[in-house]
Amino acid sequence: MEKTPDNYNFELIYVIVNLGLGSKALKIAKKCGVTGGTFFLGTGTIKNRFLELLDLYEVRKEIVLMIAEKTVADNALEELDRSFNFKKPNHGIAFSIAVKDIFGLSFKDQQLKESRGVENIMYNVIFTVVDRGKAETVIEVANGAGSRGGTIIHARGSGVHDTAKLFNMEIEPEKEVVLILSEQNLTEKIASSIKEKMEIDEPGNGIIFIQDVNKTYGLY
């Protein structure tokens, strides 16, 4: 039988590390068979009383997005965890989500094996798109609902009238994307709190969408 994307499950890998370490993460993933990746700049939040006193609780981050067949993605996540030691605080986070359809990816170099299904879902990733300057409020509201932090993605175009794209959605230059990993039992509370505080139901105030997470590293 011909090998096509329909025969296999693909996953989107997210790796969030300190600025300057994104290239290292991609290099490790490529050794496992991942063919490439896309970089975003972001800001992470760290809960540390001493750093807060020094006003240093925000750290610049790199977010690396990579697509791979599930077996390759699992191997890449394990290698990334070994290299970055995600179990230690502030060493980064890595997780994967399922990809429904895929086009334009050459997977001839991937170590393709038929998928045996997805692990039990324990976490969700909450994406919130809001006007620039409101992302920190989203983080504060989420923390009040049980979240342990998040990452602000500065998804802006290169010019005043340019746009960036995330999941084929145009993100205007004055928008910010907030990424929050949540335990499944807290997801509804966190998302509802953000929705109410940011008045998401009002036109133009933002968007919230939620996806299941298959594997996670770096949450504690």
C-alpha atoms as a PDB file:
ATOM      1  CA  MET A   1       0.000   0.000   0.000  1.00  0.00           C
ATOM      2  CA  GLU A   2       1.269   3.453  -0.887  1.00  0.00           C
ATOM      3  CA  LYS A   3       2.481   5.508   2.047  1.00  0.00           C
ATOM      4  CA  THR A   4       0.533   8.745   2.284  1.00  0.00           C
ATOM      5  CA  PRO A   5      -0.259  11.115   5.166  1.00  0.00           C
ATOM      6  CA  ASP A   6      -3.657   9.393   5.443  1.00  0.00           C
ATOM      7  CA  ASN A   7      -1.926   6.219   6.640  1.00  0.00           C
ATOM      8  CA  TYR A   8      -0.199   7.878   9.575  1.00  0.00           C
ATOM      9  CA  ASN A   9      -0.863  10.232  12.464  1.00  0.00           C
ATOM     10  CA  PHE A  10       1.124  13.449  12.477  1.00  0.00           C
ATOM     11  CA  GLU A  11       1.735  15.732  15.431  1.00  0.00           C
ATOM     12  CA  LEU A  12       2.656  19.360  15.906  1.00  0.00           C
ATOM     13  CA  ILE A  13       5.502  19.744  18.399  1.00  0.00           C
ATOM     14  CA  TYR A  14       5.814  22.904  20.466  1.00  0.00           C
ATOM     15  CA  VAL A  15       9.102  23.675  22.205  1.00  0.00           C
ATOM     16  CA  ILE A  16       9.292  26.802  24.387  1.00  0.00           C
ATOM     17  CA  VAL A  17      12.814  27.694  25.539  1.00  0.00           C
ATOM     18  CA  ASN A  18      14.804  30.770  26.493  1.00  0.00           C
ATOM     19  CA  LEU A  19      15.873  33.093  23.720  1.00  0.00           C
ATOM     20  CA  GLY A  20      18.851  31.715  21.794  1.00  0.00           C
ATOM     21  CA  LEU A  21      18.092  28.034  22.423  1.00  0.00           C
ATOM     22  CA  GLY A  22      15.563  27.503  19.648  1.00  0.00           C
ATOM     23  CA  SER A  23      18.196  26.526  17.086  1.00  0.00           C
ATOM     24  CA  LYS A  24      19.568  23.917  19.493  1.00  0.00           C
ATOM     25  CA  ALA A  25      16.095  22.429  19.907  1.00  0.00           C
ATOM     26  CA  LEU A  26      15.571  22.240  16.146  1.00  0.00           C
ATOM     27  CA  LYS A  27      18.992  20.638  15.638  1.00  0.00           C
ATOM     28  CA  ILE A  28      18.179  17.898  18.174  1.00  0.00           C
ATOM     29  CA  ALA A  29      14.773  17.286  16.594  1.00  0.00           C
ATOM     30  CA  LYS A  30      16.282  17.029  13.100  1.00  0.00           C
ATOM     31  CA  LYS A  31      18.606  14.271  14.304  1.00  0.00           C
ATOM     32  CA  CYS A  32      15.451  12.339  15.227  1.00  0.00           C
ATOM     33  CA  GLY A  33      13.969  12.750  11.756  1.00  0.00           C
ATOM     34  CA  VAL A  34      12.049  16.034  11.986  1.00  0.00           C
ATOM     35  CA  THR A  35      12.464  17.863   8.681  1.00  0.00           C
ATOM     36  CA  GLY A  36      12.218  21.495   9.803  1.00  0.00           C
ATOM     37  CA  GLY A  37      10.520  24.040  12.020  1.00  0.00           C
ATOM     38  CA  THR A  38       9.171  27.572  12.424  1.00  0.00           C
ATOM     39  CA  PHE A  39      10.252  30.071  15.081  1.00  0.00           C
ATOM     40  CA  PHE A  40       8.204  32.620  17.015  1.00  0.00           C
ATOM     41  CA  LEU A  41       9.398  35.141  19.578  1.00  0.00           C
ATOM     42  CA  GLY A  42       7.537  35.347  22.857  1.00  0.00           C
ATOM     43  CA  THR A  43       7.601  36.337  26.507  1.00  0.00           C
ATOM     44  CA  GLY A  44       7.293  33.853  29.351  1.00  0.00           C
ATOM     45  CA  THR A  45       6.254  34.419  32.937  1.00  0.00           C
ATOM     46  CA  ILE A  46       8.188  33.078  35.914  1.00  0.00           C
ATOM     47  CA  LYS A  47       6.753  32.889  39.420  1.00  0.00           C
ATOM     48  CA  ASN A  48       9.686  33.878  41.583  1.00  0.00           C
ATOM     49  CA  ARG A  49       9.373  36.381  44.444  1.00  0.00           C
ATOM     50  CA  PHE A  50      12.990  37.597  44.174  1.00  0.00           C
ATOM     51  CA  LEU A  51      12.762  38.120  40.404  1.00  0.00           C
ATOM     52  CA  GLU A  52       9.443  39.938  40.808  1.00  0.00           C
ATOM     53  CA  LEU A  53      11.067  42.351  43.250  1.00  0.00           C
ATOM     54  CA  LEU A  54      13.718  43.080  40.625  1.00  0.00           C
ATOM     55  CA  ASP A  55      11.051  43.353  37.895  1.00  0.00           C
ATOM     56  CA  LEU A  56      12.734  40.470  36.042  1.00  0.00           C
ATOM     57  CA  TYR A  57       9.873  37.987  36.047  1.00  0.00           C
ATOM     58  CA  GLU A  58       9.378  38.197  32.265  1.00  0.00           C
ATOM     59  CA  VAL A  59      11.843  36.248  30.148  1.00  0.00           C
ATOM     60  CA  ARG A  60      12.165  36.386  26.370  1.00  0.00           C
ATOM     61  CA  LYS A  61      11.339  33.055  24.800  1.00  0.00           C
ATOM     62  CA  GLU A  62      11.606  31.239  21.498  1.00  0.00           C
ATOM     63  CA  ILE A  63       8.737  29.024  20.421  1.00  0.00           C
ATOM     64  CA  VAL A  64       9.659  26.341  17.880  1.00  0.00           C
ATOM     65  CA  LEU A  65       6.878  24.614  15.927  1.00  0.00           C
ATOM     66  CA  MET A  66       7.680  21.346  14.145  1.00  0.00           C
ATOM     67  CA  ILE A  67       5.494  18.752  12.394  1.00  0.00           C
ATOM     68  CA  ALA A  68       6.413  15.064  12.372  1.00  0.00           C
ATOM     69  CA  GLU A  69       4.866  11.616  12.195  1.00  0.00           C
ATOM     70  CA  LYS A  70       3.860  10.461  15.668  1.00  0.00           C
ATOM     71  CA  THR A  71       6.697   7.994  16.193  1.00  0.00           C
ATOM     72  CA  VAL A  72       9.262  10.582  15.107  1.00  0.00           C
ATOM     73  CA  ALA A  73       7.595  13.241  17.263  1.00  0.00           C
ATOM     74  CA  ASP A  74       7.669  10.978  20.329  1.00  0.00           C
ATOM     75  CA  ASN A  75      11.371  10.226  19.810  1.00  0.00           C
ATOM     76  CA  ALA A  76      12.162  13.907  19.275  1.00  0.00           C
ATOM     77  CA  LEU A  77      10.341  14.915  22.476  1.00  0.00           C
ATOM     78  CA  GLU A  78      12.240  12.321  24.482  1.00  0.00           C
ATOM     79  CA  GLU A  79      15.589  13.496  23.090  1.00  0.00           C
ATOM     80  CA  LEU A  80      14.687  17.132  23.722  1.00  0.00           C
ATOM     81  CA  ASP A  81      13.742  16.280  27.299  1.00  0.00           C
ATOM     82  CA  ARG A  82      17.067  14.514  27.846  1.00  0.00           C
ATOM     83  CA  SER A  83      19.009  17.448  26.443  1.00  0.00           C
ATOM     84  CA  PHE A  84      17.115  20.331  28.072  1.00  0.00           C
ATOM     85  CA  ASN A  85      16.178  18.534  31.304  1.00  0.00           C
ATOM     86  CA  PHE A  86      12.672  19.985  31.237  1.00  0.00           C
ATOM     87  CA  LYS A  87      11.822  18.523  34.634  1.00  0.00           C
ATOM     88  CA  LYS A  88      13.908  21.276  36.230  1.00  0.00           C
ATOM     89  CA  PRO A  89      12.134  24.621  36.768  1.00  0.00           C
ATOM     90  CA  ASN A  90      12.540  27.208  34.017  1.00  0.00           C
ATOM     91  CA  HIS A  91      14.373  24.850  31.650  1.00  0.00           C
ATOM     92  CA  GLY A  92      11.565  25.014  29.118  1.00  0.00           C
ATOM     93  CA  ILE A  93       8.406  23.216  28.067  1.00  0.00           C
ATOM     94  CA  ALA A  94       7.685  20.825  25.223  1.00  0.00           C
ATOM     95  CA  PHE A  95       4.394  19.290  24.151  1.00  0.00           C
ATOM     96  CA  SER A  96       2.610  17.902  21.115  1.00  0.00           C
ATOM     97  CA  ILE A  97      -0.887  18.079  19.672  1.00  0.00           C
ATOM     98  CA  ALA A  98      -2.531  16.017  16.943  1.00  0.00           C
ATOM     99  CA  VAL A  99      -2.676  17.317  13.370  1.00  0.00           C
ATOM    100  CA  LYS A 100      -5.922  16.561  11.537  1.00  0.00           C
ATOM    101  CA  ASP A 101      -4.746  17.148   7.955  1.00  0.00           C
ATOM    102  CA  ILE A 102      -1.386  17.962   6.430  1.00  0.00           C
ATOM    103  CA  PHE A 103      -0.361  19.261   3.018  1.00  0.00           C
ATOM    104  CA  GLY A 104       2.982  20.229   1.530  1.00  0.00           C
ATOM    105  CA  LEU A 105       5.172  18.217   3.921  1.00  0.00           C
ATOM    106  CA  SER A 106       7.671  15.781   2.499  1.00  0.00           C
ATOM    107  CA  PHE A 107       7.910  12.859   4.905  1.00  0.00           C
ATOM    108  CA  LYS A 108      10.209  10.572   2.924  1.00  0.00           C
ATOM    109  CA  ASP A 109      12.929  10.912   5.578  1.00  0.00           C
ATOM    110  CA  GLN A 110      10.595  10.247   8.483  1.00  0.00           C
ATOM    111  CA  GLN A 111      10.817   6.898  10.255  1.00  0.00           C
ATOM    112  CA  LEU A 112       7.223   6.039   9.416  1.00  0.00           C
ATOM    113  CA  LYS A 113       5.356   3.472  11.453  1.00  0.00           C
ATOM    114  CA  GLU A 114       1.621   3.005  11.819  1.00  0.00           C
ATOM    115  CA  SER A 115       0.215   4.828  14.815  1.00  0.00           C
ATOM    116  CA  ARG A 116      -1.353   2.829  17.633  1.00  0.00           C
ATOM    117  CA  GLY A 117      -3.494   5.694  18.892  1.00  0.00           C
ATOM    118  CA  VAL A 118      -3.176   8.626  21.272  1.00  0.00           C
ATOM    119  CA  GLU A 119      -2.428   8.531  24.981  1.00  0.00           C
ATOM    120  CA  ASN A 120      -5.102   9.562  27.461  1.00  0.00           C
ATOM    121  CA  ILE A 121      -5.543  13.326  27.316  1.00  0.00           C
ATOM    122  CA  MET A 122      -4.466  14.984  30.590  1.00  0.00           C
ATOM    123  CA  TYR A 123      -3.695  18.520  29.406  1.00  0.00           C
ATOM    124  CA  ASN A 124      -5.131  21.122  27.068  1.00  0.00           C
ATOM    125  CA  VAL A 125      -3.531  24.142  25.453  1.00  0.00           C
ATOM    126  CA  ILE A 126      -5.589  27.337  25.564  1.00  0.00           C
ATOM    127  CA  PHE A 127      -4.896  29.969  22.911  1.00  0.00           C
ATOM    128  CA  THR A 128      -6.225  33.490  23.461  1.00  0.00           C
ATOM    129  CA  VAL A 129      -5.842  36.207  20.805  1.00  0.00           C
ATOM    130  CA  VAL A 130      -6.274  39.728  22.202  1.00  0.00           C
ATOM    131  CA  ASP A 131      -5.310  43.320  21.464  1.00  0.00           C
ATOM    132  CA  ARG A 132      -1.716  44.281  22.099  1.00  0.00           C
ATOM    133  CA  GLY A 133      -1.158  45.204  25.725  1.00  0.00           C
ATOM    134  CA  LYS A 134      -3.903  42.941  27.078  1.00  0.00           C
ATOM    135  CA  ALA A 135      -1.933  39.673  27.106  1.00  0.00           C
ATOM    136  CA  GLU A 136      -0.605  40.248  30.617  1.00  0.00           C
ATOM    137  CA  THR A 137      -4.169  40.679  31.885  1.00  0.00           C
ATOM    138  CA  VAL A 138      -5.041  37.329  30.317  1.00  0.00           C
ATOM    139  CA  ILE A 139      -2.122  35.729  32.183  1.00  0.00           C
ATOM    140  CA  GLU A 140      -3.203  37.307  35.476  1.00  0.00           C
ATOM    141  CA  VAL A 141      -6.793  36.133  35.060  1.00  0.00           C
ATOM    142  CA  ALA A 142      -5.651  32.635  34.129  1.00  0.00           C
ATOM    143  CA  ASN A 143      -3.352  32.461  37.150  1.00  0.00           C
ATOM    144  CA  GLY A 144      -6.257  33.444  39.376  1.00  0.00           C
ATOM    145  CA  ALA A 145      -8.232  30.518  37.943  1.00  0.00           C
ATOM    146  CA  GLY A 146      -5.480  27.978  38.617  1.00  0.00           C
ATOM    147  CA  SER A 147      -3.020  28.373  35.751  1.00  0.00           C
ATOM    148  CA  ARG A 148       0.697  28.289  36.553  1.00  0.00           C
ATOM    149  CA  GLY A 149       1.810  30.725  33.862  1.00  0.00           C
ATOM    150  CA  GLY A 150       1.834  31.130  30.120  1.00  0.00           C
ATOM    151  CA  THR A 151       3.693  32.375  27.085  1.00  0.00           C
ATOM    152  CA  ILE A 152       2.881  35.542  25.154  1.00  0.00           C
ATOM    153  CA  ILE A 153       3.549  35.156  21.428  1.00  0.00           C
ATOM    154  CA  HIS A 154       4.264  38.388  19.614  1.00  0.00           C
ATOM    155  CA  ALA A 155       2.675  37.332  16.340  1.00  0.00           C
ATOM    156  CA  ARG A 156       3.054  40.543  14.403  1.00  0.00           C
ATOM    157  CA  GLY A 157       3.884  41.265  10.785  1.00  0.00           C
ATOM    158  CA  SER A 158       7.081  42.974   9.703  1.00  0.00           C
ATOM    159  CA  GLY A 159       5.350  46.241   8.753  1.00  0.00           C
ATOM    160  CA  VAL A 160       2.567  48.433  10.020  1.00  0.00           C
ATOM    161  CA  HIS A 161       0.004  46.921   7.658  1.00  0.00           C
ATOM    162  CA  ASP A 162       1.382  43.371   7.618  1.00  0.00           C
ATOM    163  CA  THR A 163      -0.153  40.377   9.330  1.00  0.00           C
ATOM    164  CA  ALA A 164       1.257  37.149  10.743  1.00  0.00           C
ATOM    165  CA  LYS A 165      -0.525  33.796  10.577  1.00  0.00           C
ATOM    166  CA  LEU A 166      -1.123  31.163  13.240  1.00  0.00           C
ATOM    167  CA  PHE A 167      -3.038  28.030  12.148  1.00  0.00           C
ATOM    168  CA  ASN A 168      -4.046  29.895   8.955  1.00  0.00           C
ATOM    169  CA  MET A 169      -5.655  32.660  11.039  1.00  0.00           C
ATOM    170  CA  GLU A 170      -4.444  36.161  10.310  1.00  0.00           C
ATOM    171  CA  ILE A 171      -3.095  37.866  13.439  1.00  0.00           C
ATOM    172  CA  GLU A 172      -3.112  41.625  12.983  1.00  0.00           C
ATOM    173  CA  PRO A 173       0.034  43.607  13.936  1.00  0.00           C
ATOM    174  CA  GLU A 174      -1.670  45.006  17.062  1.00  0.00           C
ATOM    175  CA  LYS A 175      -2.630  41.560  18.396  1.00  0.00           C
ATOM    176  CA  GLU A 176      -0.934  39.171  20.823  1.00  0.00           C
ATOM    177  CA  VAL A 177      -1.421  35.432  21.303  1.00  0.00           C
ATOM    178  CA  VAL A 178      -1.365  33.928  24.800  1.00  0.00           C
ATOM    179  CA  LEU A 179      -0.523  30.225  25.089  1.00  0.00           C
ATOM    180  CA  ILE A 180      -1.488  28.509  28.347  1.00  0.00           C
ATOM    181  CA  LEU A 181      -1.037  24.833  29.181  1.00  0.00           C
ATOM    182  CA  SER A 182      -3.729  23.604  31.525  1.00  0.00           C
ATOM    183  CA  GLU A 183      -4.638  20.437  33.349  1.00  0.00           C
ATOM    184  CA  GLN A 184      -7.823  19.187  31.739  1.00  0.00           C
ATOM    185  CA  ASN A 185      -9.910  19.564  34.891  1.00  0.00           C
ATOM    186  CA  LEU A 186      -8.967  23.281  35.092  1.00  0.00           C
ATOM    187  CA  THR A 187      -9.354  24.154  31.417  1.00  0.00           C
ATOM    188  CA  GLU A 188     -13.015  25.159  31.510  1.00  0.00           C
ATOM    189  CA  LYS A 189     -12.517  27.346  34.594  1.00  0.00           C
ATOM    190  CA  ILE A 190      -9.477  29.099  33.119  1.00  0.00           C
ATOM    191  CA  ALA A 191     -11.060  29.633  29.701  1.00  0.00           C
ATOM    192  CA  SER A 192     -14.340  30.864  31.228  1.00  0.00           C
ATOM    193  CA  SER A 193     -12.485  33.313  33.476  1.00  0.00           C
ATOM    194  CA  ILE A 194     -10.578  34.739  30.516  1.00  0.00           C
ATOM    195  CA  LYS A 195     -13.754  34.900  28.440  1.00  0.00           C
ATOM    196  CA  GLU A 196     -15.620  36.822  31.141  1.00  0.00           C
ATOM    197  CA  LYS A 197     -12.824  39.226  32.082  1.00  0.00           C
ATOM    198  CA  MET A 198     -11.814  40.033  28.496  1.00  0.00           C
ATOM    199  CA  GLU A 199     -15.453  40.101  27.293  1.00  0.00           C
ATOM    200  CA  ILE A 200     -14.554  37.784  24.437  1.00  0.00           C
ATOM    201  CA  ASP A 201     -18.191  37.480  23.345  1.00  0.00           C
ATOM    202  CA  GLU A 202     -18.157  41.132  22.317  1.00  0.00           C
ATOM    203  CA  PRO A 203     -17.145  41.597  18.643  1.00  0.00           C
ATOM    204  CA  GLY A 204     -13.490  42.468  18.160  1.00  0.00           C
ATOM    205  CA  ASN A 205     -12.424  41.681  21.726  1.00  0.00           C
ATOM    206  CA  GLY A 206     -10.551  38.502  20.917  1.00  0.00           C
ATOM    207  CA  ILE A 207     -10.693  34.766  20.274  1.00  0.00           C
ATOM    208  CA  ILE A 208     -10.205  31.724  22.497  1.00  0.00           C
ATOM    209  CA  PHE A 209      -9.654  28.213  21.189  1.00  0.00           C
ATOM    210  CA  ILE A 210      -8.585  25.036  22.970  1.00  0.00           C
ATOM    211  CA  GLN A 211      -6.755  21.931  21.765  1.00  0.00           C
ATOM    212  CA  ASP A 212      -5.922  18.580  23.341  1.00  0.00           C
ATOM    213  CA  VAL A 213      -2.286  17.900  24.236  1.00  0.00           C
ATOM    214  CA  ASN A 214      -0.898  14.415  23.667  1.00  0.00           C
ATOM    215  CA  LYS A 215       2.429  14.565  25.530  1.00  0.00           C
ATOM    216  CA  THR A 216       3.987  17.161  27.801  1.00  0.00           C
ATOM    217  CA  TYR A 217       7.445  17.770  29.264  1.00  0.00           C
ATOM    218  CA  GLY A 218       8.440  20.522  31.673  1.00  0.00           C
ATOM    219  CA  LEU A 219       5.199  20.901  33.644  1.00  0.00           C
ATOM    220  CA  TYR A 220       5.582  20.591  37.410  1.00  0.00           C
END
